[in-house]
Protein backbone atom coordinates (compact mmCIF):
# COMPACT_ATOMS: atom_id res chain seq x y z
CA MET A 1 -58.97 -20.09 67.83
CA ASN A 2 -58.85 -23.80 67.64
CA ARG A 3 -59.10 -26.03 64.53
CA SER A 4 -62.67 -27.25 65.19
CA ALA A 5 -63.94 -23.53 65.16
CA LEU A 6 -62.18 -22.72 61.97
CA GLY A 7 -64.83 -23.51 59.49
CA PRO A 8 -67.69 -21.31 61.25
CA ALA A 9 -65.11 -18.61 61.71
CA LEU A 10 -64.39 -18.66 58.15
CA ARG A 11 -68.10 -18.19 57.39
CA ALA A 12 -68.20 -15.22 59.63
CA LEU A 13 -65.20 -13.67 57.93
CA ARG A 14 -66.78 -14.22 54.52
CA GLU A 15 -70.28 -12.75 55.57
CA THR A 16 -68.49 -9.74 57.25
CA SER A 17 -66.56 -9.11 53.85
CA GLY A 18 -70.02 -9.05 52.24
CA MET A 19 -68.96 -11.69 49.64
CA GLU A 20 -71.31 -14.47 48.61
CA ALA A 21 -70.46 -18.04 48.98
CA LYS A 22 -70.47 -18.83 45.32
CA ALA A 23 -67.91 -16.06 44.56
CA VAL A 24 -65.50 -17.36 47.38
CA ALA A 25 -65.89 -20.97 46.23
CA ARG A 26 -65.07 -19.90 42.69
CA GLY A 27 -61.97 -17.89 43.87
CA ALA A 28 -60.76 -20.78 46.18
CA VAL A 29 -61.15 -23.45 43.26
CA MET A 30 -63.54 -25.57 45.13
CA SER A 31 -67.28 -26.64 44.92
CA ARG A 32 -69.98 -24.43 46.59
CA SER A 33 -71.03 -27.72 48.46
CA LYS A 34 -67.49 -28.19 49.86
CA LEU A 35 -67.21 -24.68 51.04
CA SER A 36 -70.70 -25.00 52.86
CA LYS A 37 -69.49 -28.08 54.54
CA ILE A 38 -66.37 -26.40 55.69
CA GLU A 39 -68.20 -23.37 56.91
CA ASN A 40 -70.82 -25.53 58.78
CA GLY A 41 -68.07 -27.55 60.59
CA ASN A 42 -68.93 -30.75 58.76
CA VAL A 43 -65.70 -30.85 56.87
CA ALA A 44 -62.26 -30.11 58.52
CA PRO A 45 -60.40 -27.83 55.92
CA SER A 46 -56.93 -28.56 54.87
CA VAL A 47 -54.25 -25.81 55.23
CA ALA A 48 -54.40 -25.36 51.32
CA ASP A 49 -58.09 -24.91 51.65
CA VAL A 50 -57.93 -22.21 54.25
CA ASP A 51 -55.21 -20.43 52.29
CA ARG A 52 -57.33 -20.37 49.22
CA ILE A 53 -60.42 -19.42 50.90
CA LEU A 54 -58.68 -16.42 52.84
CA THR A 55 -57.14 -15.35 49.44
CA ALA A 56 -60.38 -15.40 47.81
CA ILE A 57 -61.92 -13.31 50.68
CA GLY A 58 -59.11 -10.91 50.37
CA VAL A 59 -58.09 -10.52 54.12
CA SER A 60 -55.25 -8.73 55.48
CA ASP A 61 -52.01 -10.37 56.19
CA GLU A 62 -52.59 -10.14 60.03
CA VAL A 63 -55.94 -11.85 59.64
CA LYS A 64 -54.57 -14.48 57.34
CA ALA A 65 -51.64 -15.15 59.87
CA GLU A 66 -54.24 -15.84 62.65
CA TYR A 67 -56.52 -18.24 60.57
CA MET A 68 -53.43 -19.95 59.04
CA ALA A 69 -51.99 -20.56 62.37
CA ALA A 70 -55.26 -22.38 63.54
CA ALA A 71 -55.12 -24.40 60.23
CA ARG A 72 -51.61 -25.58 60.95
CA GLN A 73 -52.34 -27.12 64.28
CA ALA A 74 -52.79 -30.36 62.51
CA ALA A 75 -49.21 -30.06 61.15
CA THR A 76 -49.37 -33.07 58.48
CA GLU A 77 -52.22 -33.82 56.12
CA VAL A 78 -52.32 -37.05 53.88
CA THR A 79 -54.52 -37.46 50.86
CA ALA A 80 -54.68 -40.70 49.02
CA TRP A 81 -54.34 -40.38 45.32
CA ARG A 82 -57.63 -42.31 44.89
CA LEU A 83 -59.51 -39.38 46.52
CA ILE A 84 -57.60 -36.93 44.32
CA ARG A 85 -58.63 -38.96 41.35
CA ARG A 86 -62.31 -38.61 42.65
CA LEU A 87 -61.87 -34.88 42.95
CA GLY A 88 -60.48 -34.87 39.47
CA TYR A 89 -56.70 -34.28 38.30
CA GLU A 90 -57.95 -31.23 36.28
CA ARG A 91 -59.38 -29.66 39.51
CA LYS A 92 -56.23 -30.68 41.27
CA GLN A 93 -54.20 -28.74 38.83
CA GLN A 94 -56.17 -25.83 39.23
CA GLN A 95 -55.65 -25.85 42.96
CA ILE A 96 -52.16 -26.05 42.61
CA GLN A 97 -52.16 -23.15 40.28
CA ALA A 98 -54.14 -21.07 42.98
CA LEU A 99 -51.47 -21.82 45.40
CA GLU A 100 -48.60 -21.14 43.04
CA ALA A 101 -50.26 -17.73 42.38
CA GLN A 102 -49.90 -16.87 46.08
CA THR A 103 -46.36 -18.10 46.24
CA ARG A 104 -43.22 -15.99 45.82
CA LEU A 105 -40.44 -18.46 46.07
CA VAL A 106 -40.99 -22.19 44.95
CA ARG A 107 -38.28 -24.78 45.61
CA LEU A 108 -38.85 -28.11 43.80
CA PHE A 109 -36.77 -31.34 44.09
CA GLN A 110 -37.45 -34.07 41.69
CA PRO A 111 -35.58 -37.33 41.33
CA SER A 112 -37.63 -39.31 38.71
CA LEU A 113 -39.75 -37.09 36.49
CA VAL A 114 -39.51 -33.54 34.71
CA PRO A 115 -41.34 -31.17 36.92
CA GLY A 116 -44.74 -30.35 35.86
CA LEU A 117 -44.15 -26.70 35.38
CA LEU A 118 -41.28 -27.55 32.89
CA GLN A 119 -43.07 -30.34 30.80
CA THR A 120 -43.87 -30.17 27.20
CA PRO A 121 -47.37 -30.99 26.11
CA GLU A 122 -46.20 -34.42 24.92
CA TYR A 123 -44.42 -35.28 28.12
CA VAL A 124 -47.42 -34.05 30.20
CA ARG A 125 -49.75 -36.30 28.19
CA ALA A 126 -47.37 -39.31 28.60
CA VAL A 127 -47.59 -38.76 32.42
CA PHE A 128 -51.23 -38.52 32.65
CA SER A 129 -51.86 -41.44 29.98
CA ARG A 130 -50.88 -43.70 32.66
CA LYS A 131 -53.71 -42.56 34.99
CA GLY A 132 -56.42 -44.40 33.39
CA LEU A 133 -58.39 -41.29 32.37
CA SER A 134 -61.09 -40.97 29.84
CA PRO A 135 -59.92 -39.06 26.57
CA ASP A 136 -62.11 -35.99 27.76
CA GLN A 137 -60.55 -35.98 31.34
CA GLU A 138 -57.09 -36.38 29.95
CA ASP A 139 -57.35 -33.71 27.71
CA ARG A 140 -58.68 -31.30 30.29
CA THR A 141 -56.16 -32.30 32.73
CA VAL A 142 -53.36 -31.79 30.24
CA GLY A 143 -54.72 -28.36 29.51
CA ALA A 144 -54.86 -27.47 33.16
CA ARG A 145 -51.18 -28.54 33.76
CA LEU A 146 -50.08 -26.35 30.78
CA ALA A 147 -52.04 -23.51 31.91
CA ARG A 148 -49.98 -23.34 35.27
CA GLN A 149 -46.84 -22.84 33.39
CA SER A 150 -47.61 -19.19 32.65
CA VAL A 151 -46.47 -18.56 36.19
CA LEU A 152 -42.95 -19.12 35.19
CA TYR A 153 -43.05 -15.70 33.56
CA ALA A 154 -44.21 -13.91 36.54
CA GLU A 155 -41.43 -11.27 37.45
CA ASP A 156 -42.36 -11.27 41.19
CA LYS A 157 -41.66 -14.93 41.59
CA THR A 158 -38.59 -17.22 41.78
CA PHE A 159 -38.41 -20.81 40.84
CA ARG A 160 -35.55 -23.08 41.91
CA PHE A 161 -35.58 -26.66 40.43
CA VAL A 162 -33.20 -29.44 41.47
CA ILE A 163 -33.55 -32.55 39.39
CA THR A 164 -31.30 -35.62 39.30
CA GLU A 165 -29.63 -36.82 36.05
CA PRO A 166 -31.77 -39.98 35.75
CA VAL A 167 -34.79 -37.49 35.22
CA LEU A 168 -33.10 -36.48 31.93
CA ARG A 169 -32.97 -40.32 30.88
CA TRP A 170 -36.21 -41.74 32.13
CA ARG A 171 -37.73 -43.28 29.17
CA ILE A 172 -41.53 -42.48 29.47
CA VAL A 173 -41.47 -41.09 26.03
CA PRO A 174 -39.62 -41.76 22.67
CA PRO A 175 -36.29 -40.42 22.19
CA LEU A 176 -37.40 -37.44 19.65
CA VAL A 177 -39.92 -36.43 22.30
CA MET A 178 -37.24 -36.43 24.86
CA VAL A 179 -35.09 -34.05 22.66
CA GLY A 180 -37.96 -31.36 22.64
CA GLN A 181 -38.24 -31.77 26.47
CA LEU A 182 -34.59 -31.31 26.96
CA ASP A 183 -34.51 -28.41 24.85
CA ARG A 184 -37.56 -26.87 26.85
CA LEU A 185 -35.30 -27.28 29.96
CA ILE A 186 -32.51 -25.61 28.40
CA SER A 187 -34.71 -22.76 27.12
CA VAL A 188 -36.56 -22.19 30.41
CA SER A 189 -33.27 -22.26 32.44
CA ARG A 190 -32.35 -18.82 30.74
CA LEU A 191 -35.42 -17.09 32.30
CA PRO A 192 -34.16 -14.70 34.81
CA ASN A 193 -36.25 -15.73 37.67
CA VAL A 194 -35.79 -19.58 37.01
CA ASP A 195 -32.71 -21.53 38.18
CA ILE A 196 -32.87 -25.22 37.11
CA ARG A 197 -29.92 -27.49 38.41
CA VAL A 198 -29.04 -31.17 37.85
CA VAL A 199 -27.48 -33.37 40.14
CA SER A 200 -24.92 -35.21 38.16
CA LEU A 201 -24.55 -39.13 38.74
CA ALA A 202 -20.75 -38.40 38.34
CA ALA A 203 -20.59 -36.26 41.53
CA PRO A 204 -20.09 -37.66 44.98
CA GLN A 205 -23.20 -37.29 47.05
CA THR A 206 -23.70 -37.18 50.71
CA ASP A 207 -27.53 -37.70 50.74
CA PHE A 208 -30.13 -39.82 49.04
CA PRO A 209 -32.91 -38.48 46.83
CA SER A 210 -35.74 -40.43 48.42
CA HIS A 211 -38.89 -38.51 46.91
CA SER A 212 -39.95 -35.36 45.18
CA PHE A 213 -41.03 -32.41 47.25
CA VAL A 214 -42.09 -28.80 46.75
CA ILE A 215 -41.53 -26.08 49.29
CA LYS A 216 -43.89 -22.94 48.91
CA ASP A 217 -42.16 -20.24 50.50
CA ASP A 218 -41.50 -21.31 54.06
CA ARG A 219 -44.91 -22.17 54.93
CA MET A 220 -45.70 -25.46 53.24
CA VAL A 221 -44.16 -28.60 51.77
CA THR A 222 -45.92 -30.96 49.53
CA LEU A 223 -44.69 -34.38 49.28
CA GLU A 224 -45.57 -37.31 46.78
CA SER A 225 -45.36 -41.13 47.65
CA VAL A 226 -46.81 -43.99 45.69
CA HIS A 227 -50.03 -43.81 47.58
CA ALA A 228 -50.71 -40.39 48.48
CA GLU A 229 -49.85 -36.69 48.63
CA THR A 230 -48.64 -35.40 52.04
CA VAL A 231 -48.86 -31.71 52.96
CA VAL A 232 -46.51 -30.60 56.10
CA THR A 233 -46.76 -27.21 57.66
CA ASP A 234 -44.78 -27.78 61.03
CA PRO A 235 -41.83 -25.37 60.66
CA ARG A 236 -39.57 -28.16 61.94
CA ASP A 237 -40.57 -30.25 59.07
CA ILE A 238 -40.29 -27.83 56.72
CA HIS A 239 -36.64 -27.01 57.84
CA LEU A 240 -35.56 -30.54 57.23
CA CYS A 241 -36.95 -30.31 53.73
CA VAL A 242 -35.28 -27.04 53.06
CA THR A 243 -32.10 -28.43 54.40
CA LYS A 244 -32.18 -31.39 52.12
CA PHE A 245 -33.00 -29.17 49.17
CA GLU A 246 -29.97 -26.85 49.85
CA ALA A 247 -27.67 -29.68 50.11
CA PHE A 248 -28.70 -30.99 46.80
CA TRP A 249 -28.84 -27.38 45.38
CA ARG A 250 -25.17 -26.86 46.24
CA ALA A 251 -24.03 -30.12 44.91
CA ALA A 252 -25.97 -29.64 41.45
CA LEU A 253 -24.73 -28.51 38.17
CA SER A 254 -26.06 -25.03 37.27
CA GLY A 255 -25.80 -22.49 34.39
CA ASP A 256 -23.73 -23.50 31.46
CA GLU A 257 -22.50 -26.64 33.05
CA MET A 258 -25.92 -27.90 33.61
CA ARG A 259 -27.05 -26.86 29.89
CA ALA A 260 -23.98 -28.74 28.82
CA LEU A 261 -25.09 -32.01 30.49
CA VAL A 262 -28.56 -31.79 29.30
CA GLU A 263 -27.27 -31.02 25.70
CA SER A 264 -25.15 -34.04 25.80
CA VAL A 265 -28.07 -36.31 26.83
CA ARG A 266 -30.28 -34.71 24.37
CA ASP A 267 -27.73 -35.38 21.57
CA GLY A 268 -27.65 -39.14 22.78
CA PHE A 269 -31.41 -39.24 22.01
CA LEU A 270 -30.88 -37.62 18.64
CA ARG A 271 -28.37 -40.23 17.76
CA GLU A 272 -30.65 -43.13 19.16
CA GLN A 273 -33.55 -41.73 17.03
CA GLU A 274 -31.55 -42.53 13.76
CA THR A 275 -31.75 -46.21 14.67
CA GLY A 276 -35.41 -46.28 15.95
CA TRP A 277 -36.90 -46.82 19.53
CA ALA A 278 -38.32 -50.07 20.62
CA GLY A 279 -40.36 -48.39 23.41
């Protein structure tokens, strides 16, 4: 099956299953209109679109592998943030949640911000307050991101986070809010299926942080740049990201050493709070 035939093939698969289009669209976290355009071949589906559609239909692993192989013929997909904004950040969070629900191993590298799954409500709001959203859009987007965090407690999933020390110090919120955020990192790090590591500025390094990325199992990597989100599915590119992640993973502090570093930064914010914050 080639990529151009993918949309009509998905429609045939849905019709064979007996499912209505509106039910599949709802399960795939997309509009009925978008699903129709994909099925009619008017819009090329992304790898993530195909993944969610197949999951919503409930196909076998063998069928899913065949269709995903066709979807991955275009190994790199770039979506400008302005288009994601048009879609709606709330809907984007829901789509990410749908992908996380299908992923057993999440590996996330973040050199600048606390990862979304680990953010407190106040930190989430600080992130999205810089997007120029209306109050209602901001509230719904914050709620959607927080709703994703329940996946951390799924016993059949494993989460590995690597963040750099500047993430602990980046001042997008007042000191007292950062205290609560760092306490959350310490708390979540004790979950049995969550491993949070911090790359210390004091440790010699052999690589450069460059940008954040998320590896979902070994099938997809999402990278974020200033202007766009990039999704790669070529195994060679995924391997490069896994190699980079593992190098930082080995170099990062973990367990009690990691928590001691986070606690020291937290205590610094507490001391600073006594004298006020000019931010």
